[in-house]
Amino acid sequence: MMGDELPYWKTGLFLMHSFLQDGENGDKYISALSSLLEQDTIPSSSGFLAYLAGKIEQERGKRDSAIAFFDRCKAKAPLTYEHLMTQDPAYDLETLKERLRASKPKEPTAVPNKPNGGQ
């Protein structure tokens, strides 16, 4: 769907954000990113999606899979790859997870029921 690329990379960011909060379902996020990579997108979108998949696989300890996604990023979008790899230290997933946990709204505390309608 050439010309309408915003949903692809935004969906990729959504999947990465979801993975950071729910790492146990990493296979599902990789599957979804792989499906997005099969779409007809501009090279920079494909490269970015491959990079995100590589970061997820790297975080999960799946080195060979991560390298394959990073190689795919480099092949599809060399300039995007170069930029992302230069900035890679800024995308430390552990730091991002901590920031997400810190910014997560606190659960509301329950107010005990008062007898007689609160009077």
Protein backbone atom coordinates (compact mmCIF):
# COMPACT_ATOMS: atom_id res chain seq x y z
CA MET A 1 0.00 0.00 0.00
CA MET A 2 2.47 2.61 -1.20
CA GLY A 3 1.86 6.17 -0.06
CA ASP A 4 0.03 5.20 3.12
CA GLU A 5 2.96 4.18 5.29
CA LEU A 6 2.15 5.77 8.62
CA PRO A 7 0.06 2.85 9.91
CA TYR A 8 2.87 0.36 9.29
CA TRP A 9 5.57 2.04 11.34
CA LYS A 10 3.06 3.17 13.98
CA THR A 11 1.84 -0.40 14.26
CA GLY A 12 5.47 -1.49 14.63
CA LEU A 13 5.95 0.96 17.50
CA PHE A 14 2.73 -0.27 19.10
CA LEU A 15 3.99 -3.86 18.89
CA MET A 16 7.36 -2.90 20.38
CA HIS A 17 5.63 -1.01 23.20
CA SER A 18 3.39 -4.02 23.82
CA PHE A 19 6.42 -6.33 23.91
CA LEU A 20 8.13 -4.12 26.48
CA GLN A 21 5.12 -4.52 28.75
CA ASP A 22 4.43 -8.17 27.91
CA GLY A 23 7.65 -9.94 26.99
CA GLU A 24 6.15 -13.38 27.53
CA ASN A 25 4.24 -13.07 24.25
CA GLY A 26 7.29 -12.16 22.19
CA ASP A 27 6.48 -14.82 19.58
CA LYS A 28 3.17 -13.09 18.83
CA TYR A 29 4.84 -9.71 18.37
CA ILE A 30 7.50 -11.17 16.09
CA SER A 31 4.79 -12.93 14.08
CA ALA A 32 2.86 -9.67 13.71
CA LEU A 33 5.99 -7.75 12.69
CA SER A 34 6.89 -10.47 10.20
CA SER A 35 3.40 -10.18 8.69
CA LEU A 36 3.85 -6.42 8.38
CA LEU A 37 7.18 -6.99 6.66
CA GLU A 38 5.37 -8.99 3.98
CA GLN A 39 3.32 -5.92 3.03
CA ASP A 40 4.30 -3.69 0.12
CA THR A 41 5.81 -0.76 2.04
CA ILE A 42 8.42 1.84 1.27
CA PRO A 43 11.96 0.74 2.12
CA SER A 44 12.31 2.96 5.19
CA SER A 45 9.14 1.47 6.72
CA SER A 46 10.29 -2.07 6.00
CA GLY A 47 13.71 -1.28 7.41
CA PHE A 48 12.25 0.20 10.58
CA LEU A 49 9.94 -2.77 11.10
CA ALA A 50 12.86 -5.18 10.60
CA TYR A 51 14.92 -3.18 13.09
CA LEU A 52 12.16 -3.38 15.70
CA ALA A 53 11.85 -7.13 15.16
CA GLY A 54 15.62 -7.42 15.52
CA LYS A 55 15.54 -5.51 18.81
CA ILE A 56 12.82 -7.79 20.16
CA GLU A 57 14.75 -10.90 19.16
CA GLN A 58 17.94 -9.45 20.61
CA GLU A 59 16.14 -8.82 23.91
CA ARG A 60 14.82 -12.39 23.89
CA GLY A 61 18.34 -13.76 23.42
CA LYS A 62 17.67 -15.00 19.88
CA ARG A 63 20.91 -13.73 18.36
CA ASP A 64 20.68 -15.42 14.95
CA SER A 65 17.13 -14.22 14.40
CA ALA A 66 18.06 -10.69 15.52
CA ILE A 67 20.98 -10.61 13.08
CA ALA A 68 18.71 -11.82 10.27
CA PHE A 69 16.24 -8.98 10.96
CA PHE A 70 19.06 -6.42 11.17
CA ASP A 71 20.47 -7.73 7.87
CA ARG A 72 17.02 -7.39 6.35
CA CYS A 73 16.85 -3.80 7.58
CA LYS A 74 20.26 -3.07 6.03
CA ALA A 75 19.27 -4.65 2.70
CA LYS A 76 15.89 -2.88 2.48
CA ALA A 77 16.93 0.54 3.78
CA PRO A 78 20.68 1.11 4.13
CA LEU A 79 20.34 4.73 5.28
CA THR A 80 17.67 3.83 7.84
CA TYR A 81 19.87 0.98 9.05
CA GLU A 82 22.88 3.27 9.38
CA HIS A 83 20.87 5.85 11.33
CA LEU A 84 19.25 3.30 13.64
CA MET A 85 22.51 1.53 14.37
CA THR A 86 24.23 4.84 15.12
CA GLN A 87 21.41 5.66 17.55
CA ASP A 88 21.08 2.09 18.87
CA PRO A 89 22.55 2.79 22.34
CA ALA A 90 19.71 5.27 22.91
CA TYR A 91 17.20 2.47 22.32
CA ASP A 92 18.26 0.35 25.29
CA LEU A 93 15.20 -1.81 25.98
CA GLU A 94 15.90 -2.26 29.69
CA THR A 95 15.94 1.52 30.17
CA LEU A 96 12.73 1.84 28.15
CA LYS A 97 11.06 -0.87 30.26
CA GLU A 98 12.02 0.96 33.46
CA ARG A 99 10.63 4.23 32.10
CA LEU A 100 7.38 2.51 31.15
CA ARG A 101 7.05 1.02 34.62
CA ALA A 102 7.76 4.39 36.23
CA SER A 103 5.20 6.19 34.06
CA LYS A 104 2.49 3.56 34.52
CA PRO A 105 -0.44 5.06 36.42
CA LYS A 106 -0.84 3.71 39.91
CA GLU A 107 -3.85 1.53 40.62
CA PRO A 108 -6.59 3.46 42.40
CA THR A 109 -7.05 2.49 45.99
CA ALA A 110 -10.45 1.21 46.96
CA VAL A 111 -12.53 3.38 49.22
CA PRO A 112 -14.14 1.29 51.95
CA ASN A 113 -17.92 1.24 52.00
CA LYS A 114 -19.33 3.39 54.74
CA PRO A 115 -22.41 2.10 56.55
CA ASN A 116 -25.65 4.04 56.26
CA GLY A 117 -24.93 5.40 52.79
CA GLY A 118 -21.71 7.15 53.81
CA GLN A 119 -23.16 9.20 56.68
